[in-house]
Amino acid sequence: MKISDQLKQCRKAKGMTQREVAEKMHVSRKTISGWENGRSYPDVNMLISLVICLGYLLMT
């Protein structure tokens, strides 16, 4: 499973909107959308923050 798909699945499992994740991550909702749709990817530091925010370990 792609990271983009995992991000979306984890966010939905937590019952969060893209806006809620964006606010916690201090990025725009458009950034979260880009990550979830594979148009861009979070850097390593952001991946660590996403794991903390979403409470899930992302596996490739």
Foldseek 3Di string as FASTA:
>chain_A
DDQLCVLVVLCVVQVHQLCVVCVQLVHHSVVNVCSNVVVDHDDPVSLVSSCVVSVHDDDD
